[in-house]
Protein backbone atom coordinates (compact mmCIF):
# COMPACT_ATOMS: atom_id res chain seq x y z
CA MET A 1 118.62 84.44 93.81
CA LYS A 2 115.71 83.89 96.82
CA LEU A 3 113.43 85.11 93.91
CA MET A 4 114.37 82.60 91.59
CA THR A 5 113.98 80.16 94.50
CA ASP A 6 110.44 81.29 95.49
CA LEU A 7 109.53 81.27 92.02
CA PHE A 8 110.31 77.90 90.78
CA SER A 9 110.12 75.83 94.46
CA THR A 10 106.86 77.42 95.90
CA ASP A 11 103.00 76.49 94.52
CA TYR A 12 102.16 80.49 94.21
CA GLY A 13 105.61 80.60 92.22
CA LEU A 14 104.27 77.85 90.21
CA MET A 15 100.68 79.49 89.48
CA SER A 16 102.49 83.10 88.65
CA ILE A 17 104.56 80.82 85.91
CA ILE A 18 101.69 79.12 84.69
CA GLY A 19 99.14 82.03 84.84
CA ILE A 20 101.66 84.48 83.03
CA ALA A 21 102.31 81.17 80.13
CA PHE A 22 98.80 80.89 79.28
CA MET A 23 98.13 84.98 79.49
CA MET A 24 100.67 84.41 76.56
CA GLY A 25 99.98 81.50 74.81
CA MET A 26 96.39 83.24 74.50
CA GLY A 27 97.71 86.12 73.18
CA VAL A 28 99.31 84.50 70.61
CA PHE A 29 96.05 82.48 69.68
CA PHE A 30 94.16 85.56 69.37
CA LEU A 31 97.12 87.98 67.52
CA ARG A 32 96.49 84.81 64.94
CA LEU A 33 92.99 84.60 64.90
CA PHE A 34 92.62 88.05 64.22
CA THR A 35 95.10 88.82 61.92
CA GLY A 36 93.60 86.04 59.84
CA LYS A 37 90.45 87.25 60.06
CA MET A 38 91.36 90.68 58.83
CA LYS A 39 93.11 89.20 56.02
CA HIS A 40 90.14 86.94 54.87
CA ASP A 41 87.63 88.73 52.17
CA PRO A 42 84.24 89.08 53.38
CA THR A 43 82.77 89.00 49.53
CA VAL A 44 83.99 85.93 49.03
CA SER A 45 82.12 83.83 51.88
CA ARG A 46 78.90 85.46 50.56
CA LYS A 47 76.67 84.05 47.56
């Protein structure tokens, strides 16, 4: 339980949580961005 109290009550624990959440959010964003670009047909946008 000391691990959980350190994680949620200290400044370095909270920064770790914020960093992990930020990285996971970036992962979801880039996954959706790249899969959307892979599904897009490149010949449609060219004239």
